[in-house]
Every structure is written in structure tokens, then in C-alpha cells.
């Protein structure tokens, strides 16, 4: 349960950073489409984590975590696009990419542990 609370907190805080960055990008560059994709993927990580925590079964839990994992990978993609097109600075990108990697590692660990527990 403690690990779930960590991931719940991390994905929420990450989503807040994503929203703030999206607003800055729209305000400063008027680049809406790429930023909107980034916003959708980045906030979906936490939303799917929340759904996983409230899952009706272990199978549903793993499924929701799998979606959160995919959304985190997509978020990494959009962060790299935003950086490489010059829409955001590399210092912001590196910080968020590191945070995204942490989230991916935690989700993967929870998923593996849950799948192993389902076998026993």
C-alpha cells in the first residue's frame, strides 16, 4: 500500500507540473497542438494510477497500471519533442524526464509485484 501512495503522490505532482508547463508553453509560444498532446498524456498517468488504486480486481489494477505506463512513455516522447524544437529549455526537460523515468520504474515494479502475487 505504501508504494501505491508514493506513485499516487508522484503522478499527481507530475501532472501539476505538466499543467503549469502546458500553460506556459501556450502563453509564451502559442504552440497549442504539441502542448495539448503533452498535457493529455502527462495528466493521464495520474488519472490511470488513481483508477488502478480503485480497481475492481487485480487484473483490472494491472490493466490500469499498464495504461499509466504507456502514457508515461508517451509523455517522455512529447517532452523530447518540446525540447528538440526549442519550445522548452533543456533544464526543465531533463528534470521532467528524470521524474518520468522514476514514475516508469515505480509503475513497472508495482505491476511486476502484482503479477507475481497473482500467480501464487
C-alpha atoms as a PDB file:
ATOM      1  CA  UNK A   1       0.000   0.000   0.000  1.00  0.00           C
ATOM      2  CA  UNK A   2       2.852   2.393   0.759  1.00  0.00           C
ATOM      3  CA  UNK A   3       4.218   2.059  -2.795  1.00  0.00           C
ATOM      4  CA  UNK A   4       0.801   2.889  -4.189  1.00  0.00           C
ATOM      5  CA  UNK A   5       0.734   6.039  -2.073  1.00  0.00           C
ATOM      6  CA  UNK A   6       4.146   7.025  -3.400  1.00  0.00           C
ATOM      7  CA  UNK A   7       3.048   6.568  -7.006  1.00  0.00           C
ATOM      8  CA  UNK A   8      -0.229   8.338  -6.318  1.00  0.00           C
ATOM      9  CA  UNK A   9       1.651  11.335  -4.917  1.00  0.00           C
ATOM     10  CA  UNK A  10       4.347  11.360  -7.623  1.00  0.00           C
ATOM     11  CA  UNK A  11       1.899  11.141 -10.517  1.00  0.00           C
ATOM     12  CA  UNK A  12      -0.284  13.885  -9.051  1.00  0.00           C
ATOM     13  CA  UNK A  13       2.679  16.230  -8.543  1.00  0.00           C
ATOM     14  CA  UNK A  14       3.932  15.405 -12.031  1.00  0.00           C
ATOM     15  CA  UNK A  15       0.506  16.213 -13.508  1.00  0.00           C
ATOM     16  CA  UNK A  16       0.541  19.600 -11.762  1.00  0.00           C
ATOM     17  CA  UNK A  17       3.949  20.329 -13.335  1.00  0.00           C
ATOM     18  CA  UNK A  18       2.629  19.225 -16.728  1.00  0.00           C
ATOM     19  CA  UNK A  19      -0.380  21.555 -16.487  1.00  0.00           C
ATOM     20  CA  UNK A  20       1.786  24.517 -15.462  1.00  0.00           C
ATOM     21  CA  UNK A  21       4.264  23.856 -18.259  1.00  0.00           C
ATOM     22  CA  UNK A  22       1.436  23.499 -20.782  1.00  0.00           C
ATOM     23  CA  UNK A  23       0.050  26.876 -19.730  1.00  0.00           C
ATOM     24  CA  UNK A  24       3.499  28.476 -20.041  1.00  0.00           C
ATOM     25  CA  UNK A  25       4.035  26.993 -23.492  1.00  0.00           C
ATOM     26  CA  UNK A  26       0.664  28.227 -24.713  1.00  0.00           C
ATOM     27  CA  UNK A  27       1.227  31.681 -23.228  1.00  0.00           C
ATOM     28  CA  UNK A  28       4.801  32.152 -24.427  1.00  0.00           C
ATOM     29  CA  UNK A  29       4.862  30.348 -27.775  1.00  0.00           C
ATOM     30  CA  UNK A  30       1.232  29.948 -28.765  1.00  0.00           C
ATOM     31  CA  UNK A  31       2.080  26.361 -29.696  1.00  0.00           C
ATOM     32  CA  UNK A  32      -1.135  24.615 -28.768  1.00  0.00           C
ATOM     33  CA  UNK A  33      -1.257  21.261 -30.544  1.00  0.00           C
ATOM     34  CA  UNK A  34       2.004  19.718 -29.337  1.00  0.00           C
ATOM     35  CA  UNK A  35       1.446  21.134 -25.872  1.00  0.00           C
ATOM     36  CA  UNK A  36      -2.089  19.737 -25.807  1.00  0.00           C
ATOM     37  CA  UNK A  37      -0.779  16.243 -26.613  1.00  0.00           C
ATOM     38  CA  UNK A  38       1.797  16.615 -23.843  1.00  0.00           C
ATOM     39  CA  UNK A  39      -0.931  17.782 -21.439  1.00  0.00           C
ATOM     40  CA  UNK A  40      -3.210  14.856 -22.285  1.00  0.00           C
ATOM     41  CA  UNK A  41      -0.508  12.207 -21.883  1.00  0.00           C
ATOM     42  CA  UNK A  42       1.126  13.778 -18.819  1.00  0.00           C
ATOM     43  CA  UNK A  43      -2.082  14.115 -16.827  1.00  0.00           C
ATOM     44  CA  UNK A  44      -3.356  10.709 -17.902  1.00  0.00           C
ATOM     45  CA  UNK A  45      -0.569   8.979 -15.962  1.00  0.00           C
ATOM     46  CA  UNK A  46      -2.023  10.090 -12.637  1.00  0.00           C
ATOM     47  CA  UNK A  47      -5.620   9.596 -13.738  1.00  0.00           C
ATOM     48  CA  UNK A  48      -4.941   5.971 -14.665  1.00  0.00           C
ATOM     49  CA  UNK A  49      -2.977   5.441 -11.460  1.00  0.00           C
ATOM     50  CA  UNK A  50      -5.999   6.680  -9.499  1.00  0.00           C
ATOM     51  CA  UNK A  51      -8.229   4.326 -11.473  1.00  0.00           C
ATOM     52  CA  UNK A  52      -5.833   1.462 -10.709  1.00  0.00           C
ATOM     53  CA  UNK A  53      -5.998   2.181  -6.988  1.00  0.00           C
ATOM     54  CA  UNK A  54      -9.783   1.928  -7.203  1.00  0.00           C
ATOM     55  CA  UNK A  55      -9.736  -1.140  -9.463  1.00  0.00           C
ATOM     56  CA  UNK A  56     -12.366  -3.832  -9.073  1.00  0.00           C
ATOM     57  CA  UNK A  57      -9.895  -6.686  -9.410  1.00  0.00           C
ATOM     58  CA  UNK A  58      -6.168  -7.363  -9.575  1.00  0.00           C
ATOM     59  CA  UNK A  59      -6.498  -7.911 -13.315  1.00  0.00           C
ATOM     60  CA  UNK A  60      -8.166  -4.504 -13.695  1.00  0.00           C
ATOM     61  CA  UNK A  61      -5.466  -2.999 -11.444  1.00  0.00           C
ATOM     62  CA  UNK A  62      -2.700  -4.331 -13.700  1.00  0.00           C
ATOM     63  CA  UNK A  63      -4.555  -3.143 -16.807  1.00  0.00           C
ATOM     64  CA  UNK A  64      -4.904   0.423 -15.484  1.00  0.00           C
ATOM     65  CA  UNK A  65      -1.243   0.471 -14.446  1.00  0.00           C
ATOM     66  CA  UNK A  66      -0.297  -0.704 -17.930  1.00  0.00           C
ATOM     67  CA  UNK A  67      -2.170   2.242 -19.407  1.00  0.00           C
ATOM     68  CA  UNK A  68      -0.445   4.621 -16.969  1.00  0.00           C
ATOM     69  CA  UNK A  69       2.908   3.149 -18.036  1.00  0.00           C
ATOM     70  CA  UNK A  70       2.140   3.703 -21.727  1.00  0.00           C
ATOM     71  CA  UNK A  71       1.059   7.279 -21.035  1.00  0.00           C
ATOM     72  CA  UNK A  72       4.316   7.932 -19.172  1.00  0.00           C
ATOM     73  CA  UNK A  73       6.269   6.667 -22.190  1.00  0.00           C
ATOM     74  CA  UNK A  74       4.242   8.935 -24.464  1.00  0.00           C
ATOM     75  CA  UNK A  75       4.878  11.859 -22.125  1.00  0.00           C
ATOM     76  CA  UNK A  76       8.624  11.223 -22.441  1.00  0.00           C
ATOM     77  CA  UNK A  77       8.236  11.382 -26.211  1.00  0.00           C
ATOM     78  CA  UNK A  78       6.429  14.742 -26.100  1.00  0.00           C
ATOM     79  CA  UNK A  79       8.989  16.143 -23.656  1.00  0.00           C
ATOM     80  CA  UNK A  80      11.773  15.277 -26.078  1.00  0.00           C
ATOM     81  CA  UNK A  81       9.837  16.876 -28.956  1.00  0.00           C
ATOM     82  CA  UNK A  82       9.251  20.046 -26.906  1.00  0.00           C
ATOM     83  CA  UNK A  83      12.948  20.220 -26.042  1.00  0.00           C
ATOM     84  CA  UNK A  84      14.295  19.447 -29.503  1.00  0.00           C
ATOM     85  CA  UNK A  85      12.020  22.023 -31.151  1.00  0.00           C
ATOM     86  CA  UNK A  86      13.131  24.681 -28.678  1.00  0.00           C
ATOM     87  CA  UNK A  87       9.689  25.143 -27.148  1.00  0.00           C
ATOM     88  CA  UNK A  88      11.061  24.477 -23.655  1.00  0.00           C
ATOM     89  CA  UNK A  89      14.530  24.633 -22.171  1.00  0.00           C
ATOM     90  CA  UNK A  90      16.661  21.577 -21.597  1.00  0.00           C
ATOM     91  CA  UNK A  91      16.895  22.206 -17.828  1.00  0.00           C
ATOM     92  CA  UNK A  92      13.116  21.863 -17.481  1.00  0.00           C
ATOM     93  CA  UNK A  93      13.079  18.895 -19.831  1.00  0.00           C
ATOM     94  CA  UNK A  94      15.823  16.995 -18.023  1.00  0.00           C
ATOM     95  CA  UNK A  95      14.115  17.440 -14.665  1.00  0.00           C
ATOM     96  CA  UNK A  96      10.785  16.220 -16.002  1.00  0.00           C
ATOM     97  CA  UNK A  97      12.370  13.361 -17.966  1.00  0.00           C
ATOM     98  CA  UNK A  98      14.085  12.179 -14.777  1.00  0.00           C
ATOM     99  CA  UNK A  99      10.804  12.379 -12.894  1.00  0.00           C
ATOM    100  CA  UNK A 100       9.075  10.463 -15.676  1.00  0.00           C
ATOM    101  CA  UNK A 101      11.750   7.743 -15.500  1.00  0.00           C
ATOM    102  CA  UNK A 102      11.160   7.422 -11.742  1.00  0.00           C
ATOM    103  CA  UNK A 103       7.429   7.080 -12.329  1.00  0.00           C
ATOM    104  CA  UNK A 104       8.001   4.441 -15.018  1.00  0.00           C
ATOM    105  CA  UNK A 105      10.263   2.443 -12.693  1.00  0.00           C
ATOM    106  CA  UNK A 106       7.758   2.562  -9.829  1.00  0.00           C
ATOM    107  CA  UNK A 107       4.833   1.565 -12.047  1.00  0.00           C
ATOM    108  CA  UNK A 108       6.849  -1.312 -13.528  1.00  0.00           C
ATOM    109  CA  UNK A 109       7.810  -2.546 -10.047  1.00  0.00           C
ATOM    110  CA  UNK A 110       4.208  -2.404  -8.792  1.00  0.00           C
ATOM    111  CA  UNK A 111       2.986  -4.216 -11.895  1.00  0.00           C
ATOM    112  CA  UNK A 112       5.624  -6.974 -11.651  1.00  0.00           C
ATOM    113  CA  UNK A 113       4.960  -7.466  -7.934  1.00  0.00           C
ATOM    114  CA  UNK A 114       1.211  -7.648  -8.510  1.00  0.00           C
ATOM    115  CA  UNK A 115       1.575 -10.134 -11.365  1.00  0.00           C
ATOM    116  CA  UNK A 116       3.869 -12.314  -9.245  1.00  0.00           C
ATOM    117  CA  UNK A 117       1.371 -12.213  -6.368  1.00  0.00           C
ATOM    118  CA  UNK A 118      -1.422 -13.220  -8.737  1.00  0.00           C
ATOM    119  CA  UNK A 119       0.496 -16.408  -9.623  1.00  0.00           C
ATOM    120  CA  UNK A 120       0.658 -17.601  -6.017  1.00  0.00           C
END
